Amino acid sequence: MSVAAPSGDSARPLEDFLRAHPGVVSLAFVLSLLALWEGAAAAGWLPAYIHAPTAIARDFWSLTTGGGLLVPAAHSLRRALAGFAIGGSLGVLLGLLAGASRPFRDLFDLNQAFTHPVPKIALFPAVALVLGFTDSARILVISVSAFYPAYLNALNGALGVNPRLFWVARNAGASRLRVFFQVLLPASLPRALVGLRISLMVAFVLMVATEVLGHSNGLGAQLMRAYREGEYGAMYAGIVAVAACGVLANAALQWATRRLLAWQAHAGVPHA
């Protein structure tokens, strides 16, 4: 008696669903971890200072609706986004110029290699000697940190452009400025935008780090104040607020990225 091999048709609807909704697996994994965390807290297996997810959610909602998180979040976002805008835009511009010009690249290579490994938070005390523990000092350090990922990715994107594109443009009589904007910039844009996404996350890391030092009215200072005073609910709520700000900023950048790279879909080029 022969037994028929099981058909894969029964698994196909599930595979099609997961392919159409790639975030489902990730969401299920996160929810499973949160459920385990909640169960461990309810069973008393965790120390008192590790709050359950539902307790953190309640504290976050209470502080948000009471205004205890919105004002610090606004101050922190202003610093992070200002530093990201300055450092990211300069990084992309100089990276593209370095990729297009060998003398310009040689001018920056040694300086970049020497300064990039230095943790940028180490510069904050020196900057504070000149500017004080002010918003200007924090934005400057965030800008320097956001510069390097944007610069390196834009540089690599420019260096990866097919030289034949420049040859065709030059033979068509295009000026250097036109080649830059119509050939180099579009071809380098996918890689440069990846660098900007990294720069944005780095900006949020430095946002918190610089607010911890000196007097500040941002989320980082509120986190440390809650930790010192033993207000762990407020501390966890502040961490959630930082994460929420980062997620929203990253979503906005992703939306802008899709708009900027819409030409790839029309040209049949796969997204980076």
Protein backbone atom coordinates (compact mmCIF):
# COMPACT_ATOMS: atom_id res chain seq x y z
CA MET A 1 0.00 0.00 0.00
CA SER A 2 1.53 3.27 -1.06
CA VAL A 3 1.22 6.45 0.97
CA ALA A 4 0.90 9.71 -0.93
CA ALA A 5 3.51 12.33 -0.15
CA PRO A 6 2.11 15.31 1.74
CA SER A 7 1.32 18.18 -0.54
CA GLY A 8 2.90 21.56 0.00
CA ASP A 9 -0.31 23.29 -1.07
CA SER A 10 -1.54 23.49 2.53
CA ALA A 11 1.51 25.53 3.56
CA ARG A 12 1.37 27.82 0.54
CA PRO A 13 -1.35 30.23 1.86
CA LEU A 14 0.70 30.80 5.03
CA GLU A 15 3.88 31.41 3.01
CA ASP A 16 2.04 33.82 0.73
CA PHE A 17 0.62 35.68 3.71
CA LEU A 18 4.02 36.01 5.41
CA ARG A 19 5.60 37.14 2.15
CA ALA A 20 2.93 39.79 1.73
CA HIS A 21 3.21 40.90 5.39
CA PRO A 22 6.93 40.64 6.30
CA GLY A 23 6.44 42.45 9.62
CA VAL A 24 4.16 39.78 11.08
CA VAL A 25 6.97 37.44 12.15
CA SER A 26 8.91 40.27 13.75
CA LEU A 27 5.81 41.55 15.56
CA ALA A 28 4.97 38.05 16.79
CA PHE A 29 8.50 37.63 18.13
CA VAL A 30 8.38 40.94 19.99
CA LEU A 31 4.96 40.17 21.45
CA SER A 32 6.21 36.76 22.60
CA LEU A 33 9.14 38.37 24.42
CA LEU A 34 6.84 40.93 26.04
CA ALA A 35 4.49 38.13 27.14
CA LEU A 36 7.36 36.19 28.71
CA TRP A 37 8.57 39.37 30.43
CA GLU A 38 5.07 40.10 31.75
CA GLY A 39 4.67 36.53 32.97
CA ALA A 40 8.03 36.56 34.74
CA ALA A 41 7.15 39.83 36.48
CA ALA A 42 3.71 38.54 37.53
CA ALA A 43 5.30 35.38 38.95
CA GLY A 44 7.72 37.45 41.02
CA TRP A 45 10.81 36.15 39.25
CA LEU A 46 12.16 39.61 38.51
CA PRO A 47 13.64 42.19 40.91
CA ALA A 48 11.34 45.02 41.97
CA TYR A 49 13.29 47.56 39.94
CA ILE A 50 12.54 45.70 36.68
CA HIS A 51 8.96 46.71 35.93
CA ALA A 52 6.51 44.72 33.85
CA PRO A 53 5.69 45.94 30.31
CA THR A 54 2.12 46.82 31.33
CA ALA A 55 3.40 48.91 34.26
CA ILE A 56 5.85 50.71 31.96
CA ALA A 57 3.04 51.36 29.48
CA ARG A 58 0.87 52.83 32.26
CA ASP A 59 3.69 55.10 33.46
CA PHE A 60 4.45 56.19 29.90
CA TRP A 61 0.81 57.04 29.23
CA SER A 62 0.44 58.87 32.55
CA LEU A 63 3.56 60.99 32.05
CA THR A 64 2.73 61.69 28.41
CA THR A 65 -0.84 62.82 29.05
CA GLY A 66 0.34 64.83 32.06
CA GLY A 67 2.95 66.67 30.00
CA GLY A 68 5.89 65.17 31.85
CA LEU A 69 7.41 63.70 28.67
CA LEU A 70 6.21 65.95 25.87
CA VAL A 71 8.23 69.04 26.83
CA PRO A 72 11.54 67.17 27.41
CA ALA A 73 10.94 65.19 24.19
CA ALA A 74 10.47 68.43 22.25
CA HIS A 75 13.78 69.81 23.56
CA SER A 76 15.60 66.55 22.79
CA LEU A 77 14.13 66.25 19.29
CA ARG A 78 15.14 69.81 18.48
CA ARG A 79 18.76 69.09 19.41
CA ALA A 80 18.91 65.70 17.69
CA LEU A 81 17.30 66.83 14.45
CA ALA A 82 19.33 70.05 14.28
CA GLY A 83 22.58 68.14 14.75
CA PHE A 84 21.50 65.50 12.25
CA ALA A 85 20.54 68.12 9.64
CA ILE A 86 23.86 69.95 9.97
CA GLY A 87 26.17 66.94 10.18
CA GLY A 88 24.23 64.77 7.72
CA SER A 89 23.96 67.40 5.00
CA LEU A 90 27.63 68.37 5.30
CA GLY A 91 28.63 64.71 5.28
CA VAL A 92 26.70 63.95 2.10
CA LEU A 93 27.95 67.07 0.31
CA LEU A 94 31.61 66.58 1.22
CA GLY A 95 31.40 62.84 0.59
CA LEU A 96 30.11 63.40 -2.94
CA LEU A 97 32.75 66.04 -3.60
CA ALA A 98 35.46 63.71 -2.30
CA GLY A 99 34.17 60.93 -4.52
CA ALA A 100 34.18 63.21 -7.56
CA SER A 101 37.59 64.79 -6.96
CA ARG A 102 40.75 62.89 -6.05
CA PRO A 103 42.58 65.98 -4.68
CA PHE A 104 39.58 66.80 -2.51
CA ARG A 105 39.44 63.18 -1.28
CA ASP A 106 43.16 63.21 -0.45
CA LEU A 107 42.61 66.38 1.56
CA PHE A 108 40.07 64.65 3.83
CA ASP A 109 41.29 61.05 3.92
CA LEU A 110 43.97 61.38 6.59
CA ASN A 111 41.89 63.71 8.76
CA GLN A 112 38.89 61.42 8.53
CA ALA A 113 40.95 58.33 9.37
CA PHE A 114 42.48 60.08 12.39
CA THR A 115 39.33 61.63 13.86
CA HIS A 116 36.68 59.01 13.05
CA PRO A 117 37.67 56.43 15.72
CA VAL A 118 37.51 59.04 18.51
CA PRO A 119 34.26 58.67 20.52
CA LYS A 120 32.54 61.98 19.88
CA ILE A 121 31.15 62.19 23.40
CA ALA A 122 34.79 62.58 24.51
CA LEU A 123 34.78 65.95 22.74
CA PHE A 124 31.86 67.28 24.75
CA PRO A 125 33.84 68.46 27.82
CA ALA A 126 36.30 70.30 25.55
CA VAL A 127 33.46 71.88 23.58
CA ALA A 128 31.72 72.80 26.85
CA LEU A 129 34.84 74.72 27.94
CA VAL A 130 34.19 77.11 25.07
CA LEU A 131 30.40 77.05 24.70
CA GLY A 132 29.35 75.84 28.14
CA PHE A 133 26.82 73.06 28.70
CA THR A 134 24.46 74.70 26.24
CA ASP A 135 22.29 73.61 23.35
CA SER A 136 24.94 74.92 20.94
CA ALA A 137 27.57 72.62 22.45
CA ARG A 138 25.25 69.62 22.31
CA ILE A 139 24.17 70.29 18.72
CA LEU A 140 27.81 70.70 17.67
CA VAL A 141 28.82 67.32 19.12
CA ILE A 142 25.74 65.66 17.59
CA SER A 143 26.61 67.24 14.22
CA VAL A 144 30.17 65.92 14.32
CA SER A 145 28.89 62.44 15.16
CA ALA A 146 26.28 62.49 12.39
CA PHE A 147 28.85 63.69 9.85
CA TYR A 148 30.96 60.54 9.54
CA PRO A 149 28.36 57.91 8.52
CA ALA A 150 26.89 60.33 5.98
CA TYR A 151 30.33 61.24 4.61
CA LEU A 152 31.63 57.69 4.27
CA ASN A 153 28.49 56.30 2.65
CA ALA A 154 28.20 59.20 0.23
CA LEU A 155 31.89 58.79 -0.63
CA ASN A 156 31.50 55.06 -1.28
CA GLY A 157 28.37 55.71 -3.30
CA ALA A 158 30.19 58.23 -5.48
CA LEU A 159 33.20 55.95 -5.94
CA GLY A 160 30.88 53.13 -7.00
CA VAL A 161 29.34 55.04 -9.91
CA ASN A 162 30.12 53.48 -13.30
CA PRO A 163 32.82 55.66 -14.94
CA ARG A 164 31.12 55.17 -18.30
CA LEU A 165 28.28 57.40 -17.12
CA PHE A 166 30.72 60.29 -16.67
CA TRP A 167 32.31 59.54 -20.04
CA VAL A 168 28.94 59.63 -21.81
CA ALA A 169 27.92 62.86 -20.06
CA ARG A 170 31.21 64.59 -20.85
CA ASN A 171 31.05 63.52 -24.50
CA ALA A 172 27.52 64.93 -24.65
CA GLY A 173 28.94 68.30 -23.66
CA ALA A 174 27.68 68.37 -20.06
CA SER A 175 29.43 70.78 -17.70
CA ARG A 176 31.02 69.60 -14.44
CA LEU A 177 28.15 71.08 -12.47
CA ARG A 178 25.58 69.32 -14.64
CA VAL A 179 27.48 66.01 -14.36
CA PHE A 180 27.46 66.40 -10.57
CA PHE A 181 23.71 66.99 -10.29
CA GLN A 182 22.46 64.79 -13.13
CA VAL A 183 24.89 61.85 -12.98
CA LEU A 184 26.84 61.66 -9.72
CA LEU A 185 24.10 62.71 -7.30
CA PRO A 186 21.30 60.40 -8.60
CA ALA A 187 23.66 57.42 -8.89
CA SER A 188 25.10 57.96 -5.39
CA LEU A 189 21.81 58.80 -3.70
CA PRO A 190 20.78 55.27 -2.56
CA ARG A 191 24.04 54.73 -0.68
CA ALA A 192 24.04 58.30 0.66
CA LEU A 193 20.55 57.82 2.08
CA VAL A 194 21.69 54.67 3.88
CA GLY A 195 24.38 56.81 5.50
CA LEU A 196 21.78 59.36 6.55
CA ARG A 197 19.73 56.66 8.29
CA ILE A 198 22.81 55.63 10.27
CA SER A 199 23.55 59.29 11.03
CA LEU A 200 20.03 59.77 12.38
CA MET A 201 20.40 56.90 14.84
CA VAL A 202 23.84 58.16 15.90
CA ALA A 203 22.30 61.60 16.48
CA PHE A 204 19.81 60.10 18.93
CA VAL A 205 22.55 58.24 20.78
CA LEU A 206 24.57 61.44 21.19
CA MET A 207 21.42 63.36 22.08
CA VAL A 208 20.96 61.24 25.19
CA ALA A 209 24.68 61.12 25.98
CA THR A 210 25.15 64.89 25.88
CA GLU A 211 22.01 65.56 27.91
CA VAL A 212 23.25 63.32 30.70
CA LEU A 213 26.24 65.63 31.22
CA GLY A 214 25.63 69.07 32.68
CA HIS A 215 22.29 70.75 33.22
CA SER A 216 19.73 69.90 30.56
CA ASN A 217 15.97 69.85 30.09
CA GLY A 218 15.85 66.88 27.70
CA LEU A 219 14.95 63.22 27.97
CA GLY A 220 18.52 62.15 28.77
CA ALA A 221 18.67 64.39 31.83
CA GLN A 222 15.22 63.23 32.93
CA LEU A 223 16.31 59.60 32.64
CA MET A 224 19.33 60.14 34.89
CA ARG A 225 17.33 62.21 37.36
CA ALA A 226 14.71 59.44 37.63
CA TYR A 227 17.47 56.84 38.11
CA ARG A 228 19.18 58.83 40.89
CA GLU A 229 15.89 59.40 42.72
CA GLY A 230 14.76 55.80 42.36
CA GLU A 231 11.76 56.67 40.18
CA TYR A 232 12.19 53.66 37.95
CA GLY A 233 8.74 53.99 36.38
CA ALA A 234 9.67 57.44 35.07
CA MET A 235 13.04 56.08 33.97
CA TYR A 236 11.50 53.32 31.87
CA ALA A 237 8.89 55.72 30.49
CA GLY A 238 11.73 58.02 29.40
CA ILE A 239 13.46 55.14 27.61
CA VAL A 240 10.21 54.38 25.76
CA ALA A 241 9.92 58.06 24.85
CA VAL A 242 13.44 58.10 23.38
CA ALA A 243 12.63 54.95 21.40
CA ALA A 244 9.35 56.42 20.15
CA CYS A 245 11.08 59.61 18.99
CA GLY A 246 13.71 57.56 17.17
CA VAL A 247 11.10 55.34 15.50
CA LEU A 248 9.07 58.33 14.31
CA ALA A 249 12.13 60.16 12.99
CA ASN A 250 13.34 57.02 11.20
CA ALA A 251 9.88 56.48 9.69
CA ALA A 252 9.85 60.05 8.39
CA LEU A 253 13.30 59.57 6.86
CA GLN A 254 12.22 56.29 5.26
CA TRP A 255 9.19 58.04 3.75
CA ALA A 256 11.44 60.75 2.34
CA THR A 257 13.81 58.07 1.05
CA ARG A 258 11.04 56.32 -0.85
CA ARG A 259 10.00 59.62 -2.40
CA LEU A 260 13.55 60.49 -3.42
CA LEU A 261 14.16 57.03 -4.90
CA ALA A 262 10.83 56.82 -6.72
CA TRP A 263 12.72 57.25 -10.00
CA GLN A 264 14.30 53.82 -9.47
CA ALA A 265 10.94 52.10 -9.68
CA HIS A 266 10.14 53.86 -12.96
CA ALA A 267 13.58 53.00 -14.31
CA GLY A 268 13.33 49.37 -13.21
CA VAL A 269 16.16 49.69 -10.69
CA PRO A 270 15.73 47.71 -7.44
CA HIS A 271 15.74 49.72 -4.22
CA ALA A 272 18.87 49.61 -2.06
